[in-house]
Amino acid sequence: MKESLNFIIMQVDGKKPNTAVIENAKSLLSPQDTLIPAATDNLSELPRQAEETDAIILTNVCGSTPLAQSISRLKLPCFALEPYHAFHSYQSTFYRDVERMGGIVLPARDPDEIAYSLQALRVKKSLDGTKLLLVNTHENDFRSEEVKIFSEGSRRSLKVEIIRRSVAELKEYASGYSDKDADKELKRWYSEILEGPGEMSEDHMRQVAKLYLSEKKMLEETGAAGITVEDIGGFLIAPKPCIMPNVSYGPLVFEGFIACEEGDVEVLTTELLLKAGLGIHPTMSNVYLLFRDRFDALASHQDYTSEMELADYRQCLADNRITLCHFSSAGVLPREMMEESRYKVRETVPAWPGQSMIVSTPKLGPVVMARLTPDASGIHVLPGKADKRSSGDKYGWYRNRWFIKIPDVDMFTLKALHPHYAVAPENKRFRVLEILLGNLLRLTYIK
């Protein structure tokens, strides 16, 4: 259901908007929205009227006006509207005044852009108060400090709350589920989500199912929209010292939750923004400037020399492509981004014997990559086009790779924030995402 919005509409000349002006503005809104006329001759009343307001619509704007300062102080989004719903040069001074004074302006140059701005407003309202779940050990002091800084920034800049729970608690939850509970989940997965247990034993898959049930329980308890779990050591009866929750994320993603690996809450939050703005589920991937033609020609990933790595790096610079891969899959791909209808379960041999990963084939086409800054005050947004894929069992956890054409790899090497980025297909809602990130959340763009 669409978020309902409340607007104040006023004329800059101090007059109360007439019926024709109000009806003209209403034609842009949804039936559930509220439009409240306001006289501008008493600016002291404006803050009281604006308490439950999402945005202000102004008409008859021509040059500078005292309203610019009053609206800027309210920190409410605003846009100027002409009867024909298109930009007029008379509005330019007003917009610049509001921006200079720290106010929030919404693009409104024509009906399409007004629609994008209103859509971004609804998205922003739906995001406020969203919770995301980070499950880790709390033992790494440096990482704990990083998470604290990001969590504070996320609450301040995005109004998104990061909730932390422990791996020990996740393990305790998992120990409470029986094999019967796990088998019930596996039966559902094999009919809807996975192509059977694949290369893994049923005992292994039961552990994965118990991990999923534990993650789902934590999500329901906290009301979180997404989860990221750090790599788990000694999980249940697993002989491998490190179990990553990759396969358990598949069912969560199919159910609408967002997820990413390695406890990367910065990418998880970025995924939330991409999903909200673009209306499509994102994934997470590792970003490399490696694994190109020399790597493809090898019989085994273990034969990859430093000289080959350098040559592949230079190839990335030459043709402006970066390589995405995340263990045995291109992240945990949602339905919208994968060629298949269900995941395959594979063992990550020869690199990680005993470890399970889900494998799917990423679709090609335009993509958006992004990552929030460590304090959640800025974001690096990178448009690109997935135009090639490469796969093969001889490559271990690199077996599924996709190559993204971007404007300038050399510039990316200077601006990249981390090896992990959130990735989503670009679509017609990209303008909504831009307005959400830049105008409403006011994130600084890493350029």
Foldseek 3Di string as FASTA:
>chain_A
DFDEFEEEEEELVQDWDDPLVVVLVCVLHDPRYHYHIDGPPDLVCVLVVCPRHQEYEYEPAAADGPVLLSQLVSQHEYEYAYSQQADDPRCVNSVVSNVVNRHFYQDGHHSVSSNLRVLLSRLLVVQAQAEEEFEEAPPDPVVVVLVVLQQVLCCVLRNYHYDYDYPVQLLVQLVPDDLVQLVVVQVVCCVAAEVHQFPDDSVVSSLLSSSLVSVVVVCVVVVHQEYEYAWQAPRDPQPDRTAWNAVSVRVVVQVRGAYFYRRPVQQNVVQSLCCSQQVFGWFKWFKALACPDVVQPDQANVVCDPVRRVVSSVVCQVQQKIKTFDFQESGNDHCVFFPDRHWYWDAQPPVHGRYIHTYTAGDWFKKWKKTAASNNQAMEIWIWTFDDWAADSRYGGRRTMIMTHTDGVVVCVVQPRHRMIMMDHDDPSVSSSCCNQCRPSNHHYRD
